[in-house]
Amino acid sequence: MQDNIIVSVVIPVFNTSQYLDQCLSSVLNQTYANIEVICVNDASTDNSLEILNAWAQKDHRIVIIDSQINKGQGWARNLAIRKARGQYIGIVDSDDFISMDMYESLIANSSNCTADIVVGNVYAYHSDKNQNIYNFTSEIEDVITIKRSILVNGCRMSTSIIRKSIFSNYNLWYPEGVIYEDNANSAPIFLIANKINICYNSEPFYFYRINNVSTTRSLNNTRCWDRLLTANMFLNHTKRLNLYETYKEEIDYSYWSLYVKNSIIYAIFSFTRYQYGKVKDFIREYNKMSGGLSMIRKNIYYTQDRTLQKYICAVICTFPLMGYLIKGAQRIKNRFK
C-alpha cells in the first residue's frame, strides 16, 4: 500500500460507462505519481463497475467502494473524502477527464504544500471542436481579491486541489440527497481557506463535459428546485462561519444568481409550461429573506450585469405573470426554426 499519498482523487460513478475509460486513463496516467484514486460506484445499472474492476486489476492505486443503493453524488463524495489518505482532495466527475500533468502542476504551485487550495483552469467541453476556456488570466496577489473574484465569477472545485481537513474542520461536507450540491459548499470552502494559489496563464487542466441529458439539464425536471435549497445552504454557511460581512456584496450577488436568476430562467425555458406558481413562491421567499429586488438593485455587481437574463429576471420579479409572455415568445421562435 502506498504511504506517501499527497492527493486523493475522488470519483463518484453512476452509469457513465461511455466515458469512464477516458476518465480513469487521464487520472491514472498522471505525471504525478503520489495519488490514490477512490471510485464510488453509486449503484450503477450499466457496466461501470466492471470497468472499475478491470482498471483496479491493473493499478493498485484504485480503491473501489460499491454501493448497492443509489445515494447521490453528495453522499459518494463525502464517503470518499472521509476515507481519503492524502493531504489534498482532487474531485473528478466520471464523465469528465483531465490533462496528464494536472496534479503535477497543481502540486508544483502549492508552495511546498502550504497552500490550502491550488486552482487550475478549465475547458467547458462540448466536443473536440467545441470548447470554451474559463481561466484566470491576470495575476491577483491579494487573497481577499481572489476570493471576491471567485464568488462573483465562479470557480469549480474539480479544477483544484483542496486541503482535506477543510471539509471536516469547518463542517463543509456536500449536502446529500440533492442535486446542485456544489452550490452549497464550494464558495464557503474557498472563502474559509487561508492561502489560495492559482496557476495563472496555464493551459486548462480539466475538461468539463457539457452533457445536455444530465440531471441538471434535463427538461421538466422538478429536482431543479434543489438549487433553492443549496443556495440557502450556501448563504447559511457564510453566516455560520462569520464570512458574510466581509464579503457581503459578493455573497448577496452570488445568492441572487443561484437562488433567483438561475431558477427563473429554468422555470421559463426548461419546462414545457412556465412554472408560475413556483416562481411566485420563491420570489416571495427571496423578498422575505433578502429585501428583494429593491435591495439587490443597489449591489455593485448587479448594476454591472448587462446580461439579458438579468433583465428578464428583473421583470419577472416585479410581474411574475410576464413569464407566460416570454414562454409564448419562445414557442413561436421554436416553431420557425
Protein backbone atom coordinates (compact mmCIF):
# COMPACT_ATOMS: atom_id res chain seq x y z
CA MET A 1 0.00 0.00 0.00
CA GLN A 2 1.26 3.45 -0.93
CA ASP A 3 2.37 5.53 2.09
CA ASN A 4 3.36 8.84 0.51
CA ILE A 5 -0.01 9.86 -0.89
CA ILE A 6 -0.34 13.61 -1.37
CA VAL A 7 -3.51 13.78 -3.48
CA SER A 8 -6.60 11.61 -3.11
CA VAL A 9 -8.68 11.80 -6.28
CA VAL A 10 -12.40 11.31 -5.63
CA ILE A 11 -14.55 9.97 -8.49
CA PRO A 12 -18.28 9.30 -7.94
CA VAL A 13 -19.56 6.90 -10.63
CA PHE A 14 -23.13 6.42 -11.77
CA ASN A 15 -23.94 4.99 -15.22
CA THR A 16 -21.07 6.68 -17.06
CA SER A 17 -19.59 3.62 -18.78
CA GLN A 18 -19.50 5.54 -22.07
CA TYR A 19 -16.88 7.94 -20.67
CA LEU A 20 -15.34 6.06 -17.76
CA ASP A 21 -12.31 4.60 -19.54
CA GLN A 22 -11.27 8.04 -20.76
CA CYS A 23 -11.74 9.50 -17.28
CA LEU A 24 -9.73 6.80 -15.48
CA SER A 25 -6.99 6.78 -18.11
CA SER A 26 -6.47 10.52 -17.69
CA VAL A 27 -6.27 10.22 -13.89
CA LEU A 28 -4.11 7.10 -13.64
CA ASN A 29 -1.62 8.23 -16.27
CA GLN A 30 -0.77 11.42 -14.41
CA THR A 31 2.83 12.55 -14.48
CA TYR A 32 2.49 12.96 -10.69
CA ALA A 33 2.51 9.52 -9.08
CA ASN A 34 1.73 10.18 -5.40
CA ILE A 35 -2.01 9.79 -5.73
CA GLU A 36 -4.75 7.39 -4.79
CA VAL A 37 -7.99 7.17 -6.75
CA ILE A 38 -11.18 6.49 -4.77
CA CYS A 39 -14.07 5.49 -7.01
CA VAL A 40 -17.55 5.20 -5.50
CA ASN A 41 -19.89 3.18 -7.67
CA ASP A 42 -23.29 4.58 -6.73
CA ALA A 43 -25.44 1.58 -7.74
CA SER A 44 -24.76 1.90 -11.47
CA THR A 45 -27.03 -0.21 -13.68
CA ASP A 46 -24.68 -0.24 -16.69
CA ASN A 47 -21.23 -1.89 -16.78
CA SER A 48 -19.44 0.89 -14.89
CA LEU A 49 -18.50 -1.45 -12.03
CA GLU A 50 -16.94 -3.96 -14.44
CA ILE A 51 -14.84 -1.16 -15.95
CA LEU A 52 -13.72 -0.06 -12.48
CA ASN A 53 -12.73 -3.62 -11.52
CA ALA A 54 -10.75 -4.06 -14.74
CA TRP A 55 -8.76 -0.90 -14.02
CA ALA A 56 -8.22 -1.90 -10.38
CA GLN A 57 -6.61 -5.15 -11.50
CA LYS A 58 -4.07 -3.12 -13.46
CA ASP A 59 -3.37 -0.35 -10.94
CA HIS A 60 -3.13 -0.81 -7.16
CA ARG A 61 -3.80 2.90 -6.54
CA ILE A 62 -7.52 2.45 -7.23
CA VAL A 63 -9.86 1.98 -4.28
CA ILE A 64 -13.40 0.89 -5.24
CA ILE A 65 -16.40 1.41 -2.97
CA ASP A 66 -19.51 -0.31 -4.31
CA SER A 67 -22.93 0.79 -3.10
CA GLN A 68 -26.00 -1.33 -3.84
CA ILE A 69 -28.28 1.67 -3.23
CA ASN A 70 -28.12 4.90 -5.22
CA LYS A 71 -27.50 7.68 -2.70
CA GLY A 72 -26.35 10.53 -4.92
CA GLN A 73 -23.19 12.39 -5.74
CA GLY A 74 -23.00 14.35 -2.49
CA TRP A 75 -23.05 11.15 -0.45
CA ALA A 76 -20.47 9.49 -2.73
CA ARG A 77 -18.07 12.42 -2.49
CA ASN A 78 -18.39 12.67 1.30
CA LEU A 79 -17.73 8.95 1.76
CA ALA A 80 -14.63 9.05 -0.44
CA ILE A 81 -13.27 12.20 1.22
CA ARG A 82 -13.64 10.62 4.68
CA LYS A 83 -11.71 7.54 3.51
CA ALA A 84 -9.02 9.56 1.71
CA ARG A 85 -5.42 9.32 2.94
CA GLY A 86 -3.99 12.26 1.00
CA GLN A 87 -3.30 15.78 2.25
CA TYR A 88 -5.28 17.17 -0.66
CA ILE A 89 -8.56 16.18 -2.30
CA GLY A 90 -8.99 16.27 -6.06
CA ILE A 91 -12.52 15.84 -7.42
CA VAL A 92 -13.21 14.47 -10.90
CA ASP A 93 -16.63 13.64 -12.31
CA SER A 94 -16.67 10.29 -14.08
CA ASP A 95 -17.84 11.73 -17.41
CA ASP A 96 -15.03 14.33 -17.44
CA PHE A 97 -11.29 13.95 -17.93
CA ILE A 98 -8.10 15.83 -17.05
CA SER A 99 -4.74 16.67 -18.61
CA MET A 100 -1.88 14.31 -17.80
CA ASP A 101 0.05 16.97 -15.89
CA MET A 102 -2.82 18.42 -13.86
CA TYR A 103 -1.79 17.25 -10.40
CA GLU A 104 1.92 17.73 -11.00
CA SER A 105 1.24 21.34 -11.96
CA LEU A 106 -1.10 21.98 -9.03
CA ILE A 107 1.36 20.49 -6.51
CA ALA A 108 4.21 22.49 -8.08
CA ASN A 109 2.17 25.62 -7.38
CA SER A 110 1.27 24.64 -3.80
CA SER A 111 4.27 26.42 -2.19
CA ASN A 112 5.56 23.12 -0.76
CA CYS A 113 2.04 22.08 0.21
CA THR A 114 1.44 25.18 2.35
CA ALA A 115 -1.47 26.42 0.22
CA ASP A 116 -4.92 25.28 1.33
CA ILE A 117 -6.23 25.34 -2.25
CA VAL A 118 -4.48 25.40 -5.62
CA VAL A 119 -6.66 26.35 -8.61
CA GLY A 120 -6.20 25.44 -12.27
CA ASN A 121 -8.11 26.40 -15.40
CA VAL A 122 -10.95 24.52 -17.09
CA TYR A 123 -12.37 23.72 -20.52
CA ALA A 124 -16.14 23.53 -20.95
CA TYR A 125 -16.03 20.60 -23.32
CA HIS A 126 -18.79 20.07 -25.87
CA SER A 127 -16.62 18.16 -28.36
CA ASP A 128 -13.07 18.21 -29.74
CA LYS A 129 -14.06 21.17 -31.94
CA ASN A 130 -16.28 22.98 -29.46
CA GLN A 131 -14.56 24.09 -26.28
CA ASN A 132 -14.75 27.19 -24.13
CA ILE A 133 -11.89 28.12 -21.79
CA TYR A 134 -12.54 29.55 -18.33
CA ASN A 135 -9.36 30.69 -16.65
CA PHE A 136 -7.51 33.24 -14.56
CA THR A 137 -5.50 35.37 -16.99
CA SER A 138 -4.34 38.26 -14.82
CA GLU A 139 -2.42 37.70 -11.61
CA ILE A 140 -4.07 38.66 -8.33
CA GLU A 141 -1.76 38.73 -5.32
CA ASP A 142 -4.25 39.61 -2.59
CA VAL A 143 -6.15 36.56 -1.30
CA ILE A 144 -9.20 38.69 -0.42
CA THR A 145 -9.42 39.88 -4.03
CA ILE A 146 -9.05 36.29 -5.26
CA LYS A 147 -11.96 35.25 -3.05
CA ARG A 148 -14.13 38.14 -4.23
CA SER A 149 -13.41 37.16 -7.84
CA ILE A 150 -14.28 33.52 -7.19
CA LEU A 151 -17.58 34.49 -5.56
CA VAL A 152 -18.68 36.66 -8.47
CA ASN A 153 -17.20 34.74 -11.40
CA GLY A 154 -17.33 31.20 -10.02
CA CYS A 155 -14.71 28.51 -9.70
CA ARG A 156 -15.18 24.74 -9.79
CA MET A 157 -13.59 22.66 -7.06
CA SER A 158 -12.87 19.98 -9.67
CA THR A 159 -10.23 22.24 -11.22
CA SER A 160 -8.43 22.43 -7.87
CA ILE A 161 -6.82 20.52 -5.05
CA ILE A 162 -8.30 21.28 -1.63
CA ARG A 163 -6.78 20.52 1.76
CA LYS A 164 -8.76 17.59 3.13
CA SER A 165 -9.06 19.00 6.66
CA ILE A 166 -11.18 21.95 5.45
CA PHE A 167 -14.18 19.68 4.88
CA SER A 168 -14.19 18.28 8.43
CA ASN A 169 -12.77 21.23 10.40
CA TYR A 170 -15.46 23.60 9.14
CA ASN A 171 -18.28 21.07 8.58
CA LEU A 172 -18.38 21.88 4.87
CA TRP A 173 -19.48 18.49 3.59
CA TYR A 174 -21.57 18.13 0.47
CA PRO A 175 -25.32 18.07 1.14
CA GLU A 176 -26.77 14.64 0.45
CA GLY A 177 -29.97 13.74 -1.34
CA VAL A 178 -29.99 16.85 -3.55
CA ILE A 179 -28.52 17.91 -6.88
CA TYR A 180 -26.58 21.18 -7.33
CA GLU A 181 -24.68 20.06 -4.22
CA ASP A 182 -21.62 22.09 -5.27
CA ASN A 183 -23.61 25.32 -4.84
CA ALA A 184 -23.83 24.72 -1.10
CA ASN A 185 -20.18 24.30 -0.12
CA SER A 186 -17.85 25.33 -2.97
CA ALA A 187 -17.77 29.07 -2.31
CA PRO A 188 -17.57 28.71 1.50
CA ILE A 189 -14.61 26.33 1.10
CA PHE A 190 -12.76 28.90 -0.99
CA LEU A 191 -13.69 31.69 1.43
CA ILE A 192 -12.50 29.86 4.55
CA ALA A 193 -9.12 28.88 3.06
CA ASN A 194 -6.15 30.80 4.44
CA LYS A 195 -3.99 30.54 1.32
CA ILE A 196 -5.10 30.08 -2.30
CA ASN A 197 -2.58 29.69 -5.12
CA ILE A 198 -3.61 29.96 -8.76
CA CYS A 199 -1.90 28.53 -11.84
CA TYR A 200 -2.05 31.70 -13.92
CA ASN A 201 -1.94 31.61 -17.73
CA SER A 202 -1.61 27.83 -17.78
CA GLU A 203 -3.37 25.61 -20.26
CA PRO A 204 -6.63 24.37 -18.75
CA PHE A 205 -6.23 21.09 -16.89
CA TYR A 206 -9.84 19.98 -16.53
CA PHE A 207 -12.22 19.03 -19.34
CA TYR A 208 -15.76 19.56 -18.08
CA ARG A 209 -18.10 17.71 -20.40
CA ILE A 210 -21.32 19.54 -21.30
CA ASN A 211 -23.91 16.78 -21.35
CA ASN A 212 -27.34 18.01 -22.35
CA VAL A 213 -29.09 14.93 -20.91
CA SER A 214 -27.51 15.22 -17.47
CA THR A 215 -29.61 15.50 -14.32
CA THR A 216 -29.13 19.25 -14.10
CA ARG A 217 -30.02 19.93 -17.76
CA SER A 218 -33.00 17.68 -18.46
CA LEU A 219 -36.38 19.24 -19.28
CA ASN A 220 -39.32 19.26 -16.85
CA ASN A 221 -37.08 18.12 -14.03
CA THR A 222 -38.63 19.20 -10.74
CA ARG A 223 -35.39 18.33 -8.94
CA CYS A 224 -34.06 21.59 -10.34
CA TRP A 225 -35.65 23.26 -7.32
CA ASP A 226 -32.88 21.69 -5.23
CA ARG A 227 -30.95 24.79 -6.32
CA LEU A 228 -33.16 26.79 -3.92
CA LEU A 229 -32.17 24.52 -1.02
CA THR A 230 -28.45 24.55 -1.82
CA ALA A 231 -28.43 28.33 -2.33
CA ASN A 232 -29.83 28.72 1.18
CA MET A 233 -27.18 26.31 2.49
CA PHE A 234 -24.51 28.46 0.85
CA LEU A 235 -25.85 31.61 2.48
CA ASN A 236 -26.17 29.91 5.88
CA HIS A 237 -22.60 28.59 5.71
CA THR A 238 -21.22 32.08 5.09
CA LYS A 239 -23.09 33.43 8.10
CA ARG A 240 -22.21 30.49 10.36
CA LEU A 241 -18.50 30.88 9.55
CA ASN A 242 -18.57 34.69 10.02
CA LEU A 243 -17.74 35.31 6.37
CA TYR A 244 -20.86 37.20 5.35
CA GLU A 245 -19.98 40.72 6.49
CA THR A 246 -16.51 40.62 4.89
CA TYR A 247 -17.87 39.57 1.50
CA LYS A 248 -21.43 40.91 1.73
CA GLU A 249 -21.63 42.46 -1.76
CA GLU A 250 -20.25 39.35 -3.43
CA ILE A 251 -22.31 36.91 -1.37
CA ASP A 252 -25.54 38.82 -1.96
CA TYR A 253 -24.93 38.87 -5.71
CA SER A 254 -23.97 35.19 -5.78
CA TYR A 255 -27.07 34.32 -3.76
CA TRP A 256 -29.26 36.33 -6.15
CA SER A 257 -27.73 34.45 -9.09
CA LEU A 258 -28.07 30.99 -7.52
CA TYR A 259 -31.48 31.43 -5.92
CA VAL A 260 -33.36 33.82 -8.18
CA LYS A 261 -31.77 34.36 -11.59
CA ASN A 262 -30.91 30.75 -12.44
CA SER A 263 -34.23 29.49 -11.05
CA ILE A 264 -36.37 31.96 -13.03
CA ILE A 265 -34.55 31.17 -16.27
CA TYR A 266 -35.03 27.46 -15.64
CA ALA A 267 -38.71 27.93 -14.75
CA ILE A 268 -39.34 29.65 -18.09
CA PHE A 269 -37.10 27.85 -20.56
CA SER A 270 -36.57 24.34 -19.15
CA PHE A 271 -40.18 23.33 -18.58
CA THR A 272 -42.85 22.67 -21.18
CA ARG A 273 -45.08 25.04 -19.22
CA TYR A 274 -43.97 28.12 -17.33
CA GLN A 275 -43.77 27.34 -13.60
CA TYR A 276 -45.73 30.38 -12.43
CA GLY A 277 -46.71 29.07 -9.01
CA LYS A 278 -43.19 28.02 -8.10
CA VAL A 279 -41.74 31.33 -9.29
CA LYS A 280 -44.22 33.28 -7.14
CA ASP A 281 -43.27 31.17 -4.12
CA PHE A 282 -39.50 31.58 -4.34
CA ILE A 283 -39.68 35.29 -5.22
CA ARG A 284 -41.82 35.77 -2.10
CA GLU A 285 -39.28 33.83 -0.05
CA TYR A 286 -36.36 35.80 -1.52
CA ASN A 287 -38.09 39.10 -0.76
CA LYS A 288 -38.62 38.00 2.83
CA MET A 289 -35.02 36.83 3.34
CA SER A 290 -33.02 39.39 1.39
CA GLY A 291 -35.10 42.51 0.88
CA GLY A 292 -35.99 41.64 -2.70
CA LEU A 293 -35.25 43.46 -5.94
CA SER A 294 -35.06 46.88 -4.30
CA MET A 295 -32.05 45.73 -2.27
CA ILE A 296 -30.17 43.78 -4.95
CA ARG A 297 -30.50 46.75 -7.34
CA LYS A 298 -28.07 48.62 -5.06
CA ASN A 299 -25.47 45.87 -5.37
CA ILE A 300 -22.42 46.91 -7.38
CA TYR A 301 -22.16 43.59 -9.21
CA TYR A 302 -25.85 43.61 -10.08
CA THR A 303 -25.51 47.09 -11.61
CA GLN A 304 -22.58 45.84 -13.73
CA ASP A 305 -24.51 42.82 -15.00
CA ARG A 306 -25.64 43.56 -18.57
CA THR A 307 -26.95 40.11 -19.46
CA LEU A 308 -30.39 39.52 -20.94
CA GLN A 309 -31.04 37.02 -18.15
CA LYS A 310 -30.72 39.77 -15.55
CA TYR A 311 -33.33 41.96 -17.25
CA ILE A 312 -35.72 39.05 -17.75
CA CYS A 313 -35.47 38.23 -14.06
CA ALA A 314 -35.96 41.84 -13.01
CA VAL A 315 -39.23 41.91 -14.99
CA ILE A 316 -40.40 38.57 -13.59
CA CYS A 317 -39.60 39.58 -10.00
CA THR A 318 -41.94 42.57 -10.41
CA PHE A 319 -44.53 40.99 -12.72
CA PRO A 320 -44.38 37.17 -12.45
CA LEU A 321 -47.21 36.77 -14.98
CA MET A 322 -44.88 38.14 -17.68
CA GLY A 323 -43.25 34.71 -17.71
CA TYR A 324 -46.20 33.45 -19.74
CA LEU A 325 -45.49 36.01 -22.47
CA ILE A 326 -41.78 35.16 -22.56
CA LYS A 327 -42.61 31.45 -22.72
CA GLY A 328 -45.05 32.12 -25.55
CA ALA A 329 -42.40 34.04 -27.47
CA GLN A 330 -40.02 31.10 -27.04
CA ARG A 331 -42.61 28.71 -28.50
CA ILE A 332 -43.20 30.96 -31.53
CA LYS A 333 -39.46 31.25 -32.11
CA ASN A 334 -39.01 27.48 -31.92
CA ARG A 335 -41.78 26.92 -34.50
CA PHE A 336 -39.91 28.95 -37.11
CA LYS A 337 -36.52 27.36 -36.56
